[in-house]
Protein backbone atom coordinates (compact mmCIF):
# COMPACT_ATOMS: atom_id res chain seq x y z
CA MET A 1 -4.76 14.09 -15.70
CA VAL A 2 -6.24 15.03 -19.06
CA MET A 3 -9.10 16.88 -17.36
CA ARG A 4 -6.64 18.86 -15.26
CA LEU A 5 -4.64 19.78 -18.32
CA MET A 6 -7.79 20.91 -20.14
CA LEU A 7 -8.85 22.99 -17.14
CA ALA A 8 -5.43 24.62 -16.94
CA VAL A 9 -5.52 25.48 -20.63
CA ALA A 10 -9.03 26.90 -20.29
CA LEU A 11 -8.00 29.09 -17.35
CA ALA A 12 -4.95 30.29 -19.24
CA LEU A 13 -7.10 31.24 -22.21
CA VAL A 14 -9.50 33.16 -19.96
CA ALA A 15 -6.59 35.01 -18.37
CA LEU A 16 -5.13 35.78 -21.80
CA ALA A 17 -8.48 37.08 -23.05
CA ALA A 18 -8.86 39.27 -19.99
CA HIS A 19 -5.36 40.64 -20.49
CA ALA A 20 -6.09 41.38 -24.14
CA GLN A 21 -9.44 43.06 -23.42
CA GLN A 22 -9.77 46.22 -25.45
CA PHE A 23 -11.34 49.36 -24.02
CA THR A 24 -12.80 52.11 -26.19
CA MET A 25 -12.84 55.67 -24.88
CA LYS A 26 -14.98 58.13 -26.82
CA LEU A 27 -14.03 61.80 -26.38
CA SER A 28 -16.48 64.57 -27.32
CA THR A 29 -15.81 68.30 -27.68
CA PRO A 30 -18.06 71.04 -29.08
CA THR A 31 -15.05 72.74 -30.69
CA ILE A 32 -12.55 71.79 -33.39
CA ASN A 33 -8.95 72.69 -34.23
CA ASP A 34 -8.36 74.33 -30.86
CA VAL A 35 -6.38 73.51 -27.73
CA THR A 36 -9.05 71.07 -26.45
CA HIS A 37 -8.97 69.17 -29.73
CA GLU A 38 -5.16 69.16 -29.57
CA TRP A 39 -5.27 67.78 -26.00
CA MET A 40 -7.48 64.93 -27.21
CA ASN A 41 -5.20 64.04 -30.11
CA THR A 42 -2.12 64.05 -27.86
CA PHE A 43 -3.89 61.99 -25.20
CA LYS A 44 -5.09 59.50 -27.83
CA ALA A 45 -1.63 58.95 -29.31
CA ASN A 46 0.08 58.43 -25.96
CA VAL A 47 -2.61 56.23 -24.36
CA GLU A 48 -2.90 53.94 -27.37
CA LYS A 49 0.89 53.59 -27.53
CA ARG A 50 1.37 52.86 -23.83
CA SER A 51 -1.56 50.45 -23.63
CA GLY A 52 -0.08 48.20 -26.32
CA GLY A 53 -3.35 48.11 -28.21
CA ARG A 54 -5.59 47.49 -25.22
CA MET A 55 -7.04 51.01 -25.36
CA LYS A 56 -8.68 52.60 -28.36
CA VAL A 57 -9.40 56.33 -28.09
CA GLU A 58 -11.90 57.90 -30.49
CA VAL A 59 -11.96 61.70 -30.89
CA TYR A 60 -15.22 63.41 -31.90
CA PRO A 61 -14.83 67.20 -32.30
CA ALA A 62 -17.48 69.72 -33.41
CA SER A 63 -20.29 68.06 -31.39
CA GLN A 64 -20.31 64.94 -33.58
CA LEU A 65 -21.79 62.94 -30.70
CA GLY A 66 -24.51 65.52 -30.04
CA GLN A 67 -24.92 68.92 -28.46
CA ILE A 68 -23.44 69.59 -25.03
CA PRO A 69 -26.47 68.69 -22.85
CA ARG A 70 -26.74 65.34 -24.62
CA THR A 71 -23.05 64.52 -24.20
CA VAL A 72 -23.12 65.49 -20.51
CA GLU A 73 -26.05 63.13 -20.09
CA GLY A 74 -24.15 60.49 -22.08
CA VAL A 75 -21.17 60.66 -19.71
CA ALA A 76 -23.46 60.37 -16.69
CA LEU A 77 -25.15 57.34 -18.26
CA GLY A 78 -21.88 55.77 -19.39
CA THR A 79 -22.58 55.84 -23.15
CA ILE A 80 -19.80 58.43 -23.67
CA GLU A 81 -16.57 58.34 -21.72
CA MET A 82 -15.67 62.07 -21.84
CA THR A 83 -17.11 65.44 -22.83
CA THR A 84 -15.41 68.83 -22.48
CA PRO A 85 -17.94 71.66 -22.06
CA ALA A 86 -17.72 74.99 -20.27
CA VAL A 87 -18.49 74.27 -16.61
CA GLY A 88 -21.71 76.30 -16.78
CA PHE A 89 -23.23 73.32 -18.60
CA LEU A 90 -22.38 71.06 -15.65
CA VAL A 91 -24.08 73.03 -12.87
CA GLY A 92 -27.38 71.18 -13.32
CA LEU A 93 -25.56 67.90 -12.74
CA GLU A 94 -23.30 69.17 -9.96
CA PRO A 95 -24.00 72.64 -8.45
CA ARG A 96 -20.44 72.89 -7.11
CA PHE A 97 -19.18 73.66 -10.62
CA GLN A 98 -20.67 77.17 -10.40
CA VAL A 99 -17.84 78.22 -8.10
CA PHE A 100 -15.66 78.85 -11.16
CA ASP A 101 -18.01 81.63 -12.26
CA ALA A 102 -17.10 83.71 -9.20
CA PRO A 103 -15.27 86.84 -10.44
CA GLY A 104 -11.75 87.67 -9.34
CA LEU A 105 -10.45 84.15 -8.72
CA PHE A 106 -7.75 84.25 -11.39
CA GLY A 107 -5.51 86.96 -12.79
CA SER A 108 -4.72 85.29 -16.10
CA VAL A 109 -4.99 82.04 -18.02
CA GLU A 110 -1.52 81.04 -16.84
CA HIS A 111 -2.44 81.78 -13.22
CA ALA A 112 -5.60 79.68 -13.52
CA GLN A 113 -3.60 76.73 -14.86
CA LYS A 114 -1.22 76.87 -11.90
CA VAL A 115 -4.21 76.78 -9.55
CA PHE A 116 -5.82 73.83 -11.34
CA ALA A 117 -2.49 71.94 -11.18
CA ASP A 118 -2.29 72.45 -7.40
CA PRO A 119 -2.48 69.01 -5.66
CA GLU A 120 -5.00 70.20 -3.08
CA VAL A 121 -7.24 71.69 -5.76
CA ARG A 122 -6.98 68.52 -7.87
CA LYS A 123 -8.04 66.42 -4.92
CA ARG A 124 -11.03 68.66 -4.21
CA LEU A 125 -12.17 68.82 -7.83
CA SER A 126 -11.94 65.03 -8.19
CA GLU A 127 -15.01 64.79 -5.93
CA PHE A 128 -17.12 67.17 -8.03
CA GLY A 129 -19.93 65.03 -9.46
CA ALA A 130 -18.99 61.89 -7.54
CA SER A 131 -22.56 61.28 -6.40
CA LYS A 132 -23.64 61.29 -10.07
CA GLY A 133 -20.90 58.89 -11.16
CA VAL A 134 -18.76 61.51 -12.92
CA GLU A 135 -15.65 63.60 -12.25
CA PRO A 136 -13.58 66.29 -14.00
CA LEU A 137 -10.44 64.59 -15.29
CA PHE A 138 -9.00 68.04 -15.95
CA THR A 139 -10.14 71.65 -15.63
CA PHE A 140 -8.67 74.62 -17.49
CA ALA A 141 -9.21 78.27 -18.42
CA ASN A 142 -10.30 78.48 -22.04
CA GLY A 143 -9.68 82.23 -22.25
CA PRO A 144 -11.19 85.44 -20.89
CA LEU A 145 -14.94 85.84 -20.50
CA MET A 146 -16.33 88.38 -22.96
CA LEU A 147 -19.52 90.46 -22.94
CA LEU A 148 -20.90 90.80 -26.45
CA SER A 149 -23.33 93.70 -26.70
CA HIS A 150 -24.96 96.02 -29.19
CA LYS A 151 -23.97 99.02 -27.07
CA PRO A 152 -20.21 99.29 -26.53
CA VAL A 153 -19.38 98.77 -22.85
CA ARG A 154 -16.37 100.94 -22.03
CA SER A 155 -17.28 101.69 -18.41
CA ILE A 156 -19.40 100.19 -15.65
CA ASP A 157 -22.06 102.83 -16.21
CA ASP A 158 -22.58 101.52 -19.75
CA LEU A 159 -24.04 98.35 -18.24
CA LYS A 160 -26.90 100.08 -16.46
CA GLY A 161 -30.29 98.95 -17.69
CA GLN A 162 -28.91 96.41 -20.18
CA LYS A 163 -30.52 92.98 -20.40
CA ILE A 164 -27.62 90.54 -20.22
CA ARG A 165 -27.90 86.79 -20.71
CA VAL A 166 -25.72 84.99 -18.13
CA PRO A 167 -24.70 81.27 -17.99
CA GLY A 168 -27.29 80.25 -15.39
CA GLY A 169 -30.02 81.34 -13.03
CA ALA A 170 -28.12 80.84 -9.75
CA PRO A 171 -27.49 83.87 -7.51
CA LEU A 172 -23.78 83.58 -8.31
CA HIS A 173 -24.62 84.31 -11.95
CA MET A 174 -27.29 86.94 -11.35
CA ASP A 175 -26.36 89.01 -8.31
CA PRO A 176 -22.97 90.37 -9.49
CA PHE A 177 -24.59 91.81 -12.64
CA ARG A 178 -27.47 93.27 -10.63
CA ARG A 179 -24.92 95.18 -8.54
CA LEU A 180 -23.60 96.66 -11.78
CA GLY A 181 -27.05 97.96 -12.67
CA ALA A 182 -27.71 95.41 -15.40
CA SER A 183 -30.74 93.13 -15.74
CA PRO A 184 -29.37 89.58 -15.93
CA LEU A 185 -31.46 86.69 -17.21
CA SER A 186 -30.91 83.01 -17.86
CA MET A 187 -31.55 81.64 -21.34
CA PRO A 188 -30.57 78.48 -23.26
CA LEU A 189 -27.61 79.09 -25.56
CA GLY A 190 -29.69 77.97 -28.52
CA GLU A 191 -32.00 80.98 -28.05
CA VAL A 192 -29.29 83.61 -27.70
CA MET A 193 -28.65 84.30 -31.39
CA SER A 194 -32.29 85.07 -32.23
CA SER A 195 -32.79 87.04 -28.99
CA LEU A 196 -29.71 89.17 -29.67
CA SER A 197 -30.75 89.67 -33.30
CA ASN A 198 -34.23 90.94 -32.42
CA ARG A 199 -32.86 92.84 -29.40
CA THR A 200 -34.88 90.92 -26.84
CA ILE A 201 -31.56 90.97 -25.00
CA ASP A 202 -28.81 93.59 -25.22
CA GLY A 203 -25.88 91.23 -24.79
CA PHE A 204 -24.54 87.98 -23.35
CA THR A 205 -21.39 86.54 -21.82
CA ALA A 206 -19.28 83.91 -23.59
CA GLY A 207 -15.73 83.06 -24.59
CA PHE A 208 -14.18 84.23 -27.84
CA ILE A 209 -14.46 80.68 -29.19
CA VAL A 210 -18.28 80.90 -29.01
CA LEU A 211 -18.42 84.35 -30.59
CA VAL A 212 -16.36 83.24 -33.58
CA ALA A 213 -17.69 79.70 -33.99
CA PHE A 214 -21.30 80.90 -34.19
CA LYS A 215 -20.45 84.04 -36.22
CA TYR A 216 -21.86 86.49 -33.71
CA PHE A 217 -19.91 89.19 -35.52
CA ASP A 218 -22.84 89.22 -37.96
CA VAL A 219 -25.15 90.38 -35.14
CA ALA A 220 -23.09 92.60 -32.83
CA LYS A 221 -19.61 94.03 -33.07
CA THR A 222 -18.31 94.96 -29.62
CA ALA A 223 -16.95 92.43 -27.12
CA THR A 224 -15.78 93.71 -23.73
CA GLN A 225 -13.33 91.62 -21.72
CA LEU A 226 -14.75 91.13 -18.22
CA PRO A 227 -11.99 91.68 -15.61
CA GLY A 228 -11.02 88.68 -13.52
CA SER A 229 -13.52 86.46 -15.35
CA PHE A 230 -12.67 83.42 -17.46
CA LEU A 231 -14.42 80.72 -19.44
CA ILE A 232 -13.59 77.55 -17.51
CA ALA A 233 -13.97 74.13 -19.12
CA SER A 234 -13.65 70.58 -17.78
CA GLY A 235 -13.07 67.13 -19.19
CA LEU A 236 -15.97 65.30 -17.56
CA VAL A 237 -15.51 61.53 -17.40
CA ASN A 238 -17.51 58.51 -16.24
CA ARG A 239 -16.10 57.12 -12.98
CA ASP A 240 -17.31 53.55 -13.54
CA PHE A 241 -15.51 53.43 -16.87
CA PHE A 242 -12.25 54.42 -15.20
CA LYS A 243 -12.71 51.76 -12.52
CA SER A 244 -13.28 49.17 -15.25
CA LEU A 245 -9.82 49.91 -16.69
CA GLY A 246 -8.19 48.14 -13.77
CA ALA A 247 -4.39 48.27 -14.05
CA LEU A 248 -4.65 50.68 -16.99
CA GLU A 249 -6.36 53.42 -14.97
CA PRO A 250 -3.17 54.98 -13.46
CA MET A 251 -1.56 55.17 -16.91
CA VAL A 252 -4.61 56.83 -18.45
CA ARG A 253 -4.75 59.42 -15.66
CA GLU A 254 -1.02 60.06 -16.01
CA GLU A 255 -1.30 60.69 -19.75
CA ALA A 256 -4.26 63.00 -19.18
CA ARG A 257 -2.13 65.04 -16.80
CA ASN A 258 0.87 65.01 -19.14
CA ALA A 259 -1.26 66.43 -21.96
CA GLU A 260 -2.38 69.29 -19.71
CA GLN A 261 0.88 71.08 -20.52
CA LEU A 262 -0.88 72.13 -23.71
CA PHE A 263 -3.30 74.25 -21.68
CA MET A 264 -0.47 76.32 -20.23
CA THR A 265 0.98 77.28 -23.61
CA GLY A 266 -1.64 76.43 -26.22
CA THR A 267 -4.57 78.27 -24.64
CA VAL A 268 -2.91 81.68 -24.85
CA ALA A 269 -1.97 81.09 -28.48
CA ASP A 270 -5.49 79.82 -29.14
CA VAL A 271 -7.09 82.93 -27.62
CA ASN A 272 -4.87 85.20 -29.71
CA ARG A 273 -5.73 83.29 -32.87
CA ILE A 274 -9.47 83.35 -32.18
CA ARG A 275 -9.38 87.04 -31.22
CA GLY A 276 -7.66 87.69 -34.53
CA ALA A 277 -10.48 85.88 -36.34
CA TRP A 278 -13.04 87.94 -34.42
CA GLU A 279 -11.40 91.22 -35.38
CA LYS A 280 -10.78 90.11 -38.97
CA ASN A 281 -14.54 89.72 -39.31
CA GLY A 282 -15.25 93.23 -38.06
CA GLY A 283 -15.51 92.53 -34.36
CA GLN A 284 -14.07 94.98 -31.84
CA THR A 285 -12.36 94.04 -28.57
CA ILE A 286 -12.69 96.39 -25.60
CA VAL A 287 -10.49 96.25 -22.51
CA LEU A 288 -11.73 98.36 -19.60
CA PRO A 289 -9.37 101.05 -18.25
CA PRO A 290 -7.69 100.07 -14.94
CA ALA A 291 -10.01 102.21 -12.80
CA GLU A 292 -13.12 100.72 -14.41
CA ALA A 293 -11.71 97.20 -14.13
CA ARG A 294 -11.20 97.78 -10.42
CA ARG A 295 -14.78 99.07 -10.09
CA PHE A 296 -16.05 95.96 -11.85
CA LEU A 297 -14.24 93.62 -9.47
CA ASP A 298 -15.14 95.63 -6.36
CA GLU A 299 -18.84 95.58 -7.22
CA THR A 300 -19.08 91.97 -8.39
CA THR A 301 -17.07 90.46 -5.54
CA ALA A 302 -19.18 92.46 -3.03
CA ALA A 303 -22.13 90.34 -4.15
CA LEU A 304 -20.44 87.10 -3.09
CA PRO A 305 -20.60 87.01 0.76
CA PRO A 306 -24.43 86.77 1.00
CA ILE A 307 -24.40 84.03 -1.64
CA PHE A 308 -21.78 81.99 0.18
CA SER A 309 -23.41 82.44 3.58
CA ALA A 310 -26.44 80.62 2.19
CA ASN A 311 -24.38 77.77 0.72
CA PRO A 312 -21.65 76.40 3.04
CA GLN A 313 -20.31 73.90 0.47
CA LEU A 314 -19.95 76.59 -2.17
CA LYS A 315 -18.24 78.85 0.36
CA ASP A 316 -15.80 76.11 1.30
CA ASP A 317 -14.93 75.43 -2.35
CA TYR A 318 -14.51 79.14 -3.05
CA GLU A 319 -12.22 79.72 -0.06
CA ALA A 320 -10.07 76.74 -1.09
CA LEU A 321 -9.67 78.19 -4.59
CA VAL A 322 -8.89 81.65 -3.21
CA ALA A 323 -6.19 80.17 -0.96
CA ALA A 324 -4.65 78.27 -3.89
CA ALA A 325 -4.83 81.39 -6.06
CA LYS A 326 -2.87 83.32 -3.44
CA ARG A 327 -0.21 80.59 -3.32
CA HIS A 328 0.32 80.75 -7.06
CA ARG A 329 0.24 84.49 -7.71
CA ASN A 330 3.57 85.86 -8.88
């Protein structure tokens, strides 16, 4: 009888310990005091409250856990639970992420957010990176894609002959710029500043957040908004970690989705604030005239069919996004 009682107590203590198990979720972002950082703080507050102390969320902005390639590797290995880079940094891990660099998918930040909230798109994106043990918990447009260049680009003809650094070496990155008469090349982000300074390259593509954070206004002054092109970012998470949460997993996913409302409203305000900082420091913002914007999209999208014909999976992902984009256009 005593032995049974002791066994029952032991089992109860094990169950209690399991119930009280604390999980720590480390979140990394290369930025600070922007909409991604705000998402993390909101997510942290709500998850910790709803978990009753079972979840601890640690927020590490400004690359405190390492530069982007290291944090992407950390998520894949399970040493970091989330990182939030531009999707161009994820293509080496999962080539399907390059689909977001196809021009003309979205008409605005708000339009992109409606597409990313689409249930069919969410389901598709949840499988990106599955074979590597990762997935994008959320995906959002972090503002328009800009071309920073020494020579002001006010028309398509201004691109001819310019050496432009693009996010990657895949045909989807290279071929659209070749059709515009430019000479695209792939280069690590860490080499861009020196290459732009010594004019090894004439320009490169990035979001406003990159131009301001790294003070590119000290090197070049003109940034042209590329029509129908956006800097897309994802919150990459480790799938095994989410499975380990057990009964807490649905709650964590729900709070991640709830916090996404910030991307619909906060991103636009963020872009305006960062653009203001760019222009305050002497930078100029160029928006192509409607006819030139149409030329840009006509030429760049004409490069896509041969690329997709050689990659059925990429074509399928692209067509699914195009269909969702049509559903959500006003």
